[in-house]
């Protein structure tokens, strides 16, 4: 029901509002997990657009008609358990989504979240990305879709980003290359960056895009 809603009602409505390049992803772990998860990445152009999106949806007759089963589902057949919204602000080093040119069902999108123990150390880690880490990723062709600082979410202070790989095997090999990169070894060992304490928890979620995702 949730897939049908996103594919037939929600994404078409956002497209009508001029919001493009919406990514929809499912963790590979969904195959064995009892609780299934869907991630929807929506690129808003402003806070104002984000604030007003529900009002626009509620006044869109086509959306309400197409999403009727989902929007008015019976409590005994609820289409989801919980919903969380995370608001991100892009890094200065990449203020746009880098969209893959072609869709490929085998690609792996890795959603990574780095939590920091203090705001000061979170700022240090973000600066480290903007100054050096993003350049390393570009050179090694990680091609992250986005880099963002979480400005509203449940694991703050933290940042998130999403590199893309050809496969799980390619992902594992690429991270080994990154770990052995001379520039990475240099900046991660620099006391100024405080890299050994700037991140105290990392989450990594490997995902495939859905057939109705924009990319």
Foldseek 3Di string as FASTA:
>chain_A
DVVQLVQFAVVVLVVVVVWDQKFKKWFPCLVPDPATDIDIRTDDPDPVCVVCVVVSLVPDPSNCVSCVCQVPPDPVPHPHDDDFDWDWQFQPQDRAFDDDPDADQAKKKKKKKFAAPDPVLQVLVSVCCSPPVVVVCVVLVQRKRTKTQTPDGDRPRMIIIIGMANHPVRVVVSVVVVVPDPVNVVVCPDVVSVNVRSGDDMDITIIGTDPSRSD
